[in-house]
Amino acid sequence: DDLKRKFDAASKYADLDQLGIAPQCGFASTEEGNDLTMDD
């Protein structure tokens, strides 16, 4: 629901069809990785 609200806000500045969703970055920009589990 929060993500939907954020896209409602984004669609005020860009057409919704020109938007999509992805994580903000990779999960491991280096081999050490971020503080998440495989399940996360």
PDB file of all heavy atoms in Angstrom:
ATOM      1  N   ASP A   1       0.825  -1.203   0.000  1.00  0.00           N
ATOM      2  CA  ASP A   1       0.000   0.000   0.000  1.00  0.00           C
ATOM      3  C   ASP A   1       0.865   1.261   0.000  1.00  0.00           C
ATOM      4  O   ASP A   1       0.559   2.240  -0.703  1.00  0.00           O
ATOM      5  CB  ASP A   1      -0.933   0.017   1.221  1.00  0.00           C
ATOM      6  CG  ASP A   1      -2.085  -0.977   1.079  1.00  0.00           C
ATOM      7  OD1 ASP A   1      -2.368  -1.380  -0.068  1.00  0.00           O
ATOM      8  OD2 ASP A   1      -2.677  -1.342   2.107  1.00  0.00           O
ATOM      9  N   ASP A   2       1.940   1.250   0.766  1.00  0.00           N
ATOM     10  CA  ASP A   2       2.847   2.409   0.773  1.00  0.00           C
ATOM     11  C   ASP A   2       3.487   2.595  -0.598  1.00  0.00           C
ATOM     12  O   ASP A   2       3.649   3.731  -1.070  1.00  0.00           O
ATOM     13  CB  ASP A   2       3.941   2.225   1.828  1.00  0.00           C
ATOM     14  CG  ASP A   2       3.436   2.481   3.235  1.00  0.00           C
ATOM     15  OD1 ASP A   2       2.332   3.047   3.375  1.00  0.00           O
ATOM     16  OD2 ASP A   2       4.135   2.108   4.198  1.00  0.00           O
ATOM     17  N   LEU A   3       3.864   1.494  -1.232  1.00  0.00           N
ATOM     18  CA  LEU A   3       4.469   1.580  -2.560  1.00  0.00           C
ATOM     19  C   LEU A   3       3.475   2.167  -3.567  1.00  0.00           C
ATOM     20  O   LEU A   3       3.841   3.003  -4.401  1.00  0.00           O
ATOM     21  CB  LEU A   3       4.945   0.204  -3.018  1.00  0.00           C
ATOM     22  CG  LEU A   3       6.130  -0.372  -2.230  1.00  0.00           C
ATOM     23  CD1 LEU A   3       6.380  -1.822  -2.628  1.00  0.00           C
ATOM     24  CD2 LEU A   3       7.384   0.459  -2.445  1.00  0.00           C
ATOM     25  N   LYS A   4       2.220   1.756  -3.469  1.00  0.00           N
ATOM     26  CA  LYS A   4       1.200   2.305  -4.362  1.00  0.00           C
ATOM     27  C   LYS A   4       1.052   3.810  -4.156  1.00  0.00           C
ATOM     28  O   LYS A   4       0.909   4.573  -5.119  1.00  0.00           O
ATOM     29  CB  LYS A   4      -0.137   1.610  -4.125  1.00  0.00           C
ATOM     30  CG  LYS A   4      -0.219   0.189  -4.666  1.00  0.00           C
ATOM     31  CD  LYS A   4      -1.598  -0.383  -4.393  1.00  0.00           C
ATOM     32  CE  LYS A   4      -1.776  -1.756  -4.994  1.00  0.00           C
ATOM     33  NZ  LYS A   4      -3.120  -2.303  -4.730  1.00  0.00           N
ATOM     34  N   ARG A   5       1.105   4.244  -2.902  1.00  0.00           N
ATOM     35  CA  ARG A   5       0.986   5.679  -2.619  1.00  0.00           C
ATOM     36  C   ARG A   5       2.181   6.442  -3.209  1.00  0.00           C
ATOM     37  O   ARG A   5       2.023   7.551  -3.733  1.00  0.00           O
ATOM     38  CB  ARG A   5       0.881   5.908  -1.106  1.00  0.00           C
ATOM     39  CG  ARG A   5      -0.503   5.657  -0.532  1.00  0.00           C
ATOM     40  CD  ARG A   5      -0.625   6.147   0.888  1.00  0.00           C
ATOM     41  NE  ARG A   5       0.058   5.251   1.816  1.00  0.00           N
ATOM     42  CZ  ARG A   5      -0.506   4.179   2.391  1.00  0.00           C
ATOM     43  NH1 ARG A   5      -1.773   3.892   2.143  1.00  0.00           N
ATOM     44  NH2 ARG A   5       0.169   3.436   3.235  1.00  0.00           N
ATOM     45  N   LYS A   6       3.345   5.841  -3.152  1.00  0.00           N
ATOM     46  CA  LYS A   6       4.529   6.489  -3.715  1.00  0.00           C
ATOM     47  C   LYS A   6       4.410   6.611  -5.232  1.00  0.00           C
ATOM     48  O   LYS A   6       4.826   7.620  -5.814  1.00  0.00           O
ATOM     49  CB  LYS A   6       5.788   5.723  -3.317  1.00  0.00           C
ATOM     50  CG  LYS A   6       6.131   5.886  -1.843  1.00  0.00           C
ATOM     51  CD  LYS A   6       7.403   5.172  -1.454  1.00  0.00           C
ATOM     52  CE  LYS A   6       7.727   5.414   0.019  1.00  0.00           C
ATOM     53  NZ  LYS A   6       8.987   4.753   0.431  1.00  0.00           N
ATOM     54  N   PHE A   7       3.827   5.614  -5.868  1.00  0.00           N
ATOM     55  CA  PHE A   7       3.648   5.715  -7.314  1.00  0.00           C
ATOM     56  C   PHE A   7       2.543   6.713  -7.666  1.00  0.00           C
ATOM     57  O   PHE A   7       2.614   7.370  -8.709  1.00  0.00           O
ATOM     58  CB  PHE A   7       3.377   4.341  -7.929  1.00  0.00           C
ATOM     59  CG  PHE A   7       4.649   3.591  -8.204  1.00  0.00           C
ATOM     60  CD1 PHE A   7       5.063   2.569  -7.373  1.00  0.00           C
ATOM     61  CD2 PHE A   7       5.454   3.933  -9.286  1.00  0.00           C
ATOM     62  CE1 PHE A   7       6.255   1.893  -7.611  1.00  0.00           C
ATOM     63  CE2 PHE A   7       6.635   3.269  -9.536  1.00  0.00           C
ATOM     64  CZ  PHE A   7       7.046   2.244  -8.693  1.00  0.00           C
ATOM     65  N   ASP A   8       1.561   6.844  -6.808  1.00  0.00           N
ATOM     66  CA  ASP A   8       0.570   7.910  -7.019  1.00  0.00           C
ATOM     67  C   ASP A   8       1.264   9.268  -7.010  1.00  0.00           C
ATOM     68  O   ASP A   8       0.970  10.140  -7.845  1.00  0.00           O
ATOM     69  CB  ASP A   8      -0.496   7.866  -5.921  1.00  0.00           C
ATOM     70  CG  ASP A   8      -1.507   6.750  -6.112  1.00  0.00           C
ATOM     71  OD1 ASP A   8      -1.603   6.234  -7.249  1.00  0.00           O
ATOM     72  OD2 ASP A   8      -2.189   6.387  -5.141  1.00  0.00           O
ATOM     73  N   ALA A   9       2.190   9.436  -6.060  1.00  0.00           N
ATOM     74  CA  ALA A   9       2.925  10.703  -5.972  1.00  0.00           C
ATOM     75  C   ALA A   9       3.833  10.891  -7.188  1.00  0.00           C
ATOM     76  O   ALA A   9       3.907  11.989  -7.762  1.00  0.00           O
ATOM     77  CB  ALA A   9       3.750  10.739  -4.687  1.00  0.00           C
ATOM     78  N   ALA A  10       4.522   9.824  -7.605  1.00  0.00           N
ATOM     79  CA  ALA A  10       5.431   9.914  -8.755  1.00  0.00           C
ATOM     80  C   ALA A  10       4.679  10.233 -10.037  1.00  0.00           C
ATOM     81  O   ALA A  10       5.193  10.941 -10.915  1.00  0.00           O
ATOM     82  CB  ALA A  10       6.210   8.609  -8.903  1.00  0.00           C
ATOM     83  N   SER A  11       3.438   9.720 -10.136  1.00  0.00           N
ATOM     84  CA  SER A  11       2.665   9.924 -11.366  1.00  0.00           C
ATOM     85  C   SER A  11       2.208  11.370 -11.552  1.00  0.00           C
ATOM     86  O   SER A  11       1.713  11.729 -12.616  1.00  0.00           O
ATOM     87  CB  SER A  11       1.449   8.995 -11.378  1.00  0.00           C
ATOM     88  OG  SER A  11       0.515   9.363 -10.382  1.00  0.00           O
ATOM     89  N   LYS A  12       2.396  12.190 -10.537  1.00  0.00           N
ATOM     90  CA  LYS A  12       2.124  13.623 -10.694  1.00  0.00           C
ATOM     91  C   LYS A  12       3.205  14.305 -11.523  1.00  0.00           C
ATOM     92  O   LYS A  12       3.009  15.408 -12.046  1.00  0.00           O
ATOM     93  CB  LYS A  12       2.008  14.287  -9.324  1.00  0.00           C
ATOM     94  CG  LYS A  12       0.785  13.869  -8.516  1.00  0.00           C
ATOM     95  CD  LYS A  12       0.773  14.547  -7.166  1.00  0.00           C
ATOM     96  CE  LYS A  12      -0.541  14.297  -6.435  1.00  0.00           C
ATOM     97  NZ  LYS A  12      -0.798  12.883  -6.151  1.00  0.00           N
ATOM     98  N   TYR A  13       4.354  13.647 -11.651  1.00  0.00           N
ATOM     99  CA  TYR A  13       5.485  14.245 -12.366  1.00  0.00           C
ATOM    100  C   TYR A  13       5.841  13.514 -13.654  1.00  0.00           C
ATOM    101  O   TYR A  13       6.477  14.093 -14.542  1.00  0.00           O
ATOM    102  CB  TYR A  13       6.713  14.274 -11.448  1.00  0.00           C
ATOM    103  CG  TYR A  13       6.476  15.032 -10.178  1.00  0.00           C
ATOM    104  CD1 TYR A  13       6.255  14.363  -8.978  1.00  0.00           C
ATOM    105  CD2 TYR A  13       6.448  16.423 -10.176  1.00  0.00           C
ATOM    106  CE1 TYR A  13       6.020  15.062  -7.797  1.00  0.00           C
ATOM    107  CE2 TYR A  13       6.212  17.135  -9.003  1.00  0.00           C
ATOM    108  CZ  TYR A  13       5.998  16.444  -7.813  1.00  0.00           C
ATOM    109  OH  TYR A  13       5.753  17.143  -6.654  1.00  0.00           O
ATOM    110  N   ALA A  14       5.463  12.238 -13.758  1.00  0.00           N
ATOM    111  CA  ALA A  14       5.752  11.447 -14.963  1.00  0.00           C
ATOM    112  C   ALA A  14       4.575  10.511 -15.218  1.00  0.00           C
ATOM    113  O   ALA A  14       3.890  10.084 -14.278  1.00  0.00           O
ATOM    114  CB  ALA A  14       7.041  10.645 -14.783  1.00  0.00           C
ATOM    115  N   ASP A  15       4.312  10.223 -16.483  1.00  0.00           N
ATOM    116  CA  ASP A  15       3.214   9.319 -16.820  1.00  0.00           C
ATOM    117  C   ASP A  15       3.416   7.971 -16.136  1.00  0.00           C
ATOM    118  O   ASP A  15       4.523   7.404 -16.172  1.00  0.00           O
ATOM    119  CB  ASP A  15       3.150   9.096 -18.334  1.00  0.00           C
ATOM    120  CG  ASP A  15       2.638  10.319 -19.076  1.00  0.00           C
ATOM    121  OD1 ASP A  15       2.075  11.217 -18.414  1.00  0.00           O
ATOM    122  OD2 ASP A  15       2.808  10.381 -20.304  1.00  0.00           O
ATOM    123  N   LEU A  16       2.360   7.442 -15.545  1.00  0.00           N
ATOM    124  CA  LEU A  16       2.463   6.183 -14.814  1.00  0.00           C
ATOM    125  C   LEU A  16       2.986   5.058 -15.708  1.00  0.00           C
ATOM    126  O   LEU A  16       3.766   4.207 -15.261  1.00  0.00           O
ATOM    127  CB  LEU A  16       1.104   5.800 -14.228  1.00  0.00           C
ATOM    128  CG  LEU A  16       1.091   4.572 -13.316  1.00  0.00           C
ATOM    129  CD1 LEU A  16       1.965   4.798 -12.091  1.00  0.00           C
ATOM    130  CD2 LEU A  16      -0.343   4.237 -12.896  1.00  0.00           C
ATOM    131  N   ASP A  17       2.589   5.064 -16.980  1.00  0.00           N
ATOM    132  CA  ASP A  17       3.032   3.993 -17.873  1.00  0.00           C
ATOM    133  C   ASP A  17       4.522   4.079 -18.164  1.00  0.00           C
ATOM    134  O   ASP A  17       5.114   3.109 -18.638  1.00  0.00           O
ATOM    135  CB  ASP A  17       2.252   4.020 -19.184  1.00  0.00           C
ATOM    136  CG  ASP A  17       2.405   2.719 -19.956  1.00  0.00           C
ATOM    137  OD1 ASP A  17       2.181   1.644 -19.351  1.00  0.00           O
ATOM    138  OD2 ASP A  17       2.789   2.765 -21.148  1.00  0.00           O
ATOM    139  N   GLN A  18       5.144   5.237 -17.892  1.00  0.00           N
ATOM    140  CA  GLN A  18       6.584   5.379 -18.080  1.00  0.00           C
ATOM    141  C   GLN A  18       7.356   5.089 -16.797  1.00  0.00           C
ATOM    142  O   GLN A  18       8.555   5.340 -16.714  1.00  0.00           O
ATOM    143  CB  GLN A  18       6.926   6.793 -18.570  1.00  0.00           C
ATOM    144  CG  GLN A  18       6.587   7.031 -20.037  1.00  0.00           C
ATOM    145  CD  GLN A  18       7.082   8.386 -20.511  1.00  0.00           C
ATOM    146  OE1 GLN A  18       6.305   9.328 -20.644  1.00  0.00           O
ATOM    147  NE2 GLN A  18       8.386   8.488 -20.761  1.00  0.00           N
ATOM    148  N   LEU A  19       6.662   4.526 -15.824  1.00  0.00           N
ATOM    149  CA  LEU A  19       7.293   4.168 -14.561  1.00  0.00           C
ATOM    150  C   LEU A  19       7.308   2.657 -14.378  1.00  0.00           C
ATOM    151  O   LEU A  19       6.571   1.930 -15.041  1.00  0.00           O
ATOM    152  CB  LEU A  19       6.550   4.824 -13.388  1.00  0.00           C
ATOM    153  CG  LEU A  19       6.487   6.355 -13.381  1.00  0.00           C
ATOM    154  CD1 LEU A  19       5.638   6.833 -12.208  1.00  0.00           C
ATOM    155  CD2 LEU A  19       7.890   6.950 -13.308  1.00  0.00           C
ATOM    156  N   GLY A  20       8.159   2.210 -13.485  1.00  0.00           N
ATOM    157  CA  GLY A  20       8.239   0.799 -13.128  1.00  0.00           C
ATOM    158  C   GLY A  20       8.878   0.696 -11.759  1.00  0.00           C
ATOM    159  O   GLY A  20       9.202   1.709 -11.125  1.00  0.00           O
ATOM    160  N   ILE A  21       9.089  -0.522 -11.282  1.00  0.00           N
ATOM    161  CA  ILE A  21       9.639  -0.718  -9.948  1.00  0.00           C
ATOM    162  C   ILE A  21      10.849  -1.642 -10.019  1.00  0.00           C
ATOM    163  O   ILE A  21      10.853  -2.628 -10.751  1.00  0.00           O
ATOM    164  CB  ILE A  21       8.564  -1.284  -8.975  1.00  0.00           C
ATOM    165  CG1 ILE A  21       9.125  -1.460  -7.561  1.00  0.00           C
ATOM    166  CG2 ILE A  21       7.992  -2.588  -9.512  1.00  0.00           C
ATOM    167  CD1 ILE A  21       9.455  -0.177  -6.849  1.00  0.00           C
ATOM    168  N   ALA A  22      11.873  -1.273  -9.274  1.00  0.00           N
ATOM    169  CA  ALA A  22      13.065  -2.095  -9.093  1.00  0.00           C
ATOM    170  C   ALA A  22      13.623  -1.787  -7.713  1.00  0.00           C
ATOM    171  O   ALA A  22      13.343  -0.727  -7.155  1.00  0.00           O
ATOM    172  CB  ALA A  22      14.115  -1.794 -10.163  1.00  0.00           C
ATOM    173  N   PRO A  23      14.405  -2.672  -7.140  1.00  0.00           N
ATOM    174  CA  PRO A  23      15.092  -2.303  -5.895  1.00  0.00           C
ATOM    175  C   PRO A  23      16.004  -1.112  -6.130  1.00  0.00           C
ATOM    176  O   PRO A  23      16.435  -0.854  -7.251  1.00  0.00           O
ATOM    177  CB  PRO A  23      15.903  -3.567  -5.552  1.00  0.00           C
ATOM    178  CG  PRO A  23      15.219  -4.677  -6.291  1.00  0.00           C
ATOM    179  CD  PRO A  23      14.713  -4.054  -7.552  1.00  0.00           C
ATOM    180  N   GLN A  24      16.327  -0.366  -5.067  1.00  0.00           N
ATOM    181  CA  GLN A  24      17.112   0.856  -5.217  1.00  0.00           C
ATOM    182  C   GLN A  24      18.539   0.605  -5.665  1.00  0.00           C
ATOM    183  O   GLN A  24      19.189   1.497  -6.188  1.00  0.00           O
ATOM    184  CB  GLN A  24      17.118   1.648  -3.912  1.00  0.00           C
ATOM    185  CG  GLN A  24      17.556   0.895  -2.665  1.00  0.00           C
ATOM    186  CD  GLN A  24      19.039   0.868  -2.378  1.00  0.00           C
ATOM    187  OE1 GLN A  24      19.530  -0.060  -1.736  1.00  0.00           O
ATOM    188  NE2 GLN A  24      19.760   1.854  -2.842  1.00  0.00           N
ATOM    189  N   CYS A  25      19.042  -0.578  -5.467  1.00  0.00           N
ATOM    190  CA  CYS A  25      20.401  -0.914  -5.886  1.00  0.00           C
ATOM    191  C   CYS A  25      20.491  -2.433  -5.942  1.00  0.00           C
ATOM    192  O   CYS A  25      19.490  -3.132  -5.791  1.00  0.00           O
ATOM    193  CB  CYS A  25      21.425  -0.333  -4.893  1.00  0.00           C
ATOM    194  SG  CYS A  25      23.114  -0.300  -5.557  1.00  0.00           S
ATOM    195  N   GLY A  26      21.696  -2.935  -6.177  1.00  0.00           N
ATOM    196  CA  GLY A  26      21.886  -4.373  -6.091  1.00  0.00           C
ATOM    197  C   GLY A  26      21.904  -4.805  -4.632  1.00  0.00           C
ATOM    198  O   GLY A  26      21.995  -3.978  -3.717  1.00  0.00           O
ATOM    199  N   PHE A  27      21.838  -6.113  -4.407  1.00  0.00           N
ATOM    200  CA  PHE A  27      21.909  -6.636  -3.047  1.00  0.00           C
ATOM    201  C   PHE A  27      23.355  -6.833  -2.599  1.00  0.00           C
ATOM    202  O   PHE A  27      23.614  -7.039  -1.415  1.00  0.00           O
ATOM    203  CB  PHE A  27      21.152  -7.966  -2.953  1.00  0.00           C
ATOM    204  CG  PHE A  27      19.670  -7.821  -3.091  1.00  0.00           C
ATOM    205  CD1 PHE A  27      19.064  -7.883  -4.339  1.00  0.00           C
ATOM    206  CD2 PHE A  27      18.864  -7.596  -1.979  1.00  0.00           C
ATOM    207  CE1 PHE A  27      17.688  -7.742  -4.483  1.00  0.00           C
ATOM    208  CE2 PHE A  27      17.490  -7.443  -2.112  1.00  0.00           C
ATOM    209  CZ  PHE A  27      16.897  -7.519  -3.372  1.00  0.00           C
ATOM    210  N   ALA A  28      24.278  -6.771  -3.563  1.00  0.00           N
ATOM    211  CA  ALA A  28      25.688  -7.007  -3.236  1.00  0.00           C
ATOM    212  C   ALA A  28      26.554  -6.306  -4.274  1.00  0.00           C
ATOM    213  O   ALA A  28      27.111  -6.954  -5.152  1.00  0.00           O
ATOM    214  CB  ALA A  28      25.996  -8.500  -3.184  1.00  0.00           C
ATOM    215  N   SER A  29      26.668  -4.991  -4.163  1.00  0.00           N
ATOM    216  CA  SER A  29      27.487  -4.249  -5.116  1.00  0.00           C
ATOM    217  C   SER A  29      28.951  -4.665  -5.033  1.00  0.00           C
ATOM    218  O   SER A  29      29.719  -4.463  -5.968  1.00  0.00           O
ATOM    219  CB  SER A  29      27.370  -2.745  -4.871  1.00  0.00           C
ATOM    220  OG  SER A  29      26.040  -2.323  -5.090  1.00  0.00           O
ATOM    221  N   THR A  30      29.342  -5.222  -3.898  1.00  0.00           N
ATOM    222  CA  THR A  30      30.625  -5.891  -3.767  1.00  0.00           C
ATOM    223  C   THR A  30      30.351  -7.290  -3.232  1.00  0.00           C
ATOM    224  O   THR A  30      29.253  -7.587  -2.745  1.00  0.00           O
ATOM    225  CB  THR A  30      31.572  -5.154  -2.799  1.00  0.00           C
ATOM    226  OG1 THR A  30      31.069  -5.281  -1.461  1.00  0.00           O
ATOM    227  CG2 THR A  30      31.681  -3.681  -3.169  1.00  0.00           C
ATOM    228  N   GLU A  31      31.349  -8.148  -3.296  1.00  0.00           N
ATOM    229  CA  GLU A  31      31.131  -9.541  -2.912  1.00  0.00           C
ATOM    230  C   GLU A  31      30.761  -9.696  -1.440  1.00  0.00           C
ATOM    231  O   GLU A  31      30.194 -10.717  -1.042  1.00  0.00           O
ATOM    232  CB  GLU A  31      32.358 -10.385  -3.239  1.00  0.00           C
ATOM    233  CG  GLU A  31      33.631  -9.969  -2.532  1.00  0.00           C
ATOM    234  CD  GLU A  31      34.847 -10.724  -3.042  1.00  0.00           C
ATOM    235  OE1 GLU A  31      34.657 -11.740  -3.731  1.00  0.00           O
ATOM    236  OE2 GLU A  31      35.991 -10.293  -2.768  1.00  0.00           O
ATOM    237  N   GLU A  32      31.053  -8.661  -0.608  1.00  0.00           N
ATOM    238  CA  GLU A  32      30.698  -8.760   0.810  1.00  0.00           C
ATOM    239  C   GLU A  32      29.186  -8.786   1.023  1.00  0.00           C
ATOM    240  O   GLU A  32      28.691  -9.433   1.934  1.00  0.00           O
ATOM    241  CB  GLU A  32      31.311  -7.583   1.585  1.00  0.00           C
ATOM    242  CG  GLU A  32      32.810  -7.645   1.726  1.00  0.00           C
ATOM    243  CD  GLU A  32      33.575  -7.096   0.538  1.00  0.00           C
ATOM    244  OE1 GLU A  32      32.920  -6.670  -0.456  1.00  0.00           O
ATOM    245  OE2 GLU A  32      34.810  -7.084   0.578  1.00  0.00           O
ATOM    246  N   GLY A  33      28.443  -8.063   0.199  1.00  0.00           N
ATOM    247  CA  GLY A  33      26.987  -8.081   0.275  1.00  0.00           C
ATOM    248  C   GLY A  33      26.428  -7.194   1.375  1.00  0.00           C
ATOM    249  O   GLY A  33      27.133  -6.740   2.276  1.00  0.00           O
ATOM    250  N   ASN A  34      25.127  -6.934   1.275  1.00  0.00           N
ATOM    251  CA  ASN A  34      24.426  -6.134   2.277  1.00  0.00           C
ATOM    252  C   ASN A  34      23.933  -7.004   3.424  1.00  0.00           C
ATOM    253  O   ASN A  34      23.999  -8.234   3.372  1.00  0.00           O
ATOM    254  CB  ASN A  34      23.262  -5.382   1.629  1.00  0.00           C
ATOM    255  CG  ASN A  34      23.731  -4.197   0.802  1.00  0.00           C
ATOM    256  OD1 ASN A  34      24.884  -3.767   0.911  1.00  0.00           O
ATOM    257  ND2 ASN A  34      22.843  -3.662  -0.028  1.00  0.00           N
ATOM    258  N   ASP A  35      23.400  -6.336   4.452  1.00  0.00           N
ATOM    259  CA  ASP A  35      23.004  -7.034   5.682  1.00  0.00           C
ATOM    260  C   ASP A  35      21.589  -7.580   5.582  1.00  0.00           C
ATOM    261  O   ASP A  35      20.661  -7.137   6.283  1.00  0.00           O
ATOM    262  CB  ASP A  35      23.129  -6.089   6.878  1.00  0.00           C
ATOM    263  CG  ASP A  35      24.570  -5.686   7.143  1.00  0.00           C
ATOM    264  OD1 ASP A  35      25.471  -6.490   6.823  1.00  0.00           O
ATOM    265  OD2 ASP A  35      24.797  -4.583   7.657  1.00  0.00           O
ATOM    266  N   LEU A  36      21.407  -8.530   4.664  1.00  0.00           N
ATOM    267  CA  LEU A  36      20.143  -9.232   4.493  1.00  0.00           C
ATOM    268  C   LEU A  36      20.443 -10.719   4.350  1.00  0.00           C
ATOM    269  O   LEU A  36      21.578 -11.117   4.066  1.00  0.00           O
ATOM    270  CB  LEU A  36      19.398  -8.779   3.230  1.00  0.00           C
ATOM    271  CG  LEU A  36      18.941  -7.340   3.075  1.00  0.00           C
ATOM    272  CD1 LEU A  36      20.051  -6.515   2.442  1.00  0.00           C
ATOM    273  CD2 LEU A  36      17.684  -7.271   2.216  1.00  0.00           C
ATOM    274  N   THR A  37      19.407 -11.530   4.500  1.00  0.00           N
ATOM    275  CA  THR A  37      19.546 -12.963   4.261  1.00  0.00           C
ATOM    276  C   THR A  37      19.069 -13.295   2.849  1.00  0.00           C
ATOM    277  O   THR A  37      18.447 -12.470   2.172  1.00  0.00           O
ATOM    278  CB  THR A  37      18.708 -13.774   5.256  1.00  0.00           C
ATOM    279  OG1 THR A  37      17.302 -13.524   4.993  1.00  0.00           O
ATOM    280  CG2 THR A  37      19.029 -13.384   6.702  1.00  0.00           C
ATOM    281  N   MET A  38      19.344 -14.505   2.411  1.00  0.00           N
ATOM    282  CA  MET A  38      18.850 -14.953   1.112  1.00  0.00           C
ATOM    283  C   MET A  38      17.322 -14.910   1.068  1.00  0.00           C
ATOM    284  O   MET A  38      16.725 -14.554   0.045  1.00  0.00           O
ATOM    285  CB  MET A  38      19.341 -16.380   0.822  1.00  0.00           C
ATOM    286  CG  MET A  38      20.839 -16.485   0.608  1.00  0.00           C
ATOM    287  SD  MET A  38      21.321 -15.802  -0.988  1.00  0.00           S
ATOM    288  CE  MET A  38      23.054 -16.279  -1.037  1.00  0.00           C
ATOM    289  N   ASP A  39      16.684 -15.261   2.186  1.00  0.00           N
ATOM    290  CA  ASP A  39      15.216 -15.214   2.233  1.00  0.00           C
ATOM    291  C   ASP A  39      14.715 -13.778   2.120  1.00  0.00           C
ATOM    292  O   ASP A  39      13.704 -13.519   1.451  1.00  0.00           O
ATOM    293  CB  ASP A  39      14.701 -15.850   3.528  1.00  0.00           C
ATOM    294  CG  ASP A  39      14.800 -17.362   3.519  1.00  0.00           C
ATOM    295  OD1 ASP A  39      14.951 -17.949   2.413  1.00  0.00           O
ATOM    296  OD2 ASP A  39      14.747 -17.967   4.604  1.00  0.00           O
ATOM    297  N   ASP A  40      15.388 -12.847   2.795  1.00  0.00           N
ATOM    298  CA  ASP A  40      15.011 -11.432   2.685  1.00  0.00           C
ATOM    299  C   ASP A  40      15.104 -10.979   1.228  1.00  0.00           C
ATOM    300  O   ASP A  40      14.211 -10.285   0.722  1.00  0.00           O
ATOM    301  CB  ASP A  40      15.941 -10.557   3.527  1.00  0.00           C
ATOM    302  CG  ASP A  40      15.849 -10.831   5.011  1.00  0.00           C
ATOM    303  OD1 ASP A  40      14.771 -11.237   5.478  1.00  0.00           O
ATOM    304  OD2 ASP A  40      16.868 -10.628   5.709  1.00  0.00           O
TER     305      ASP A  40
END
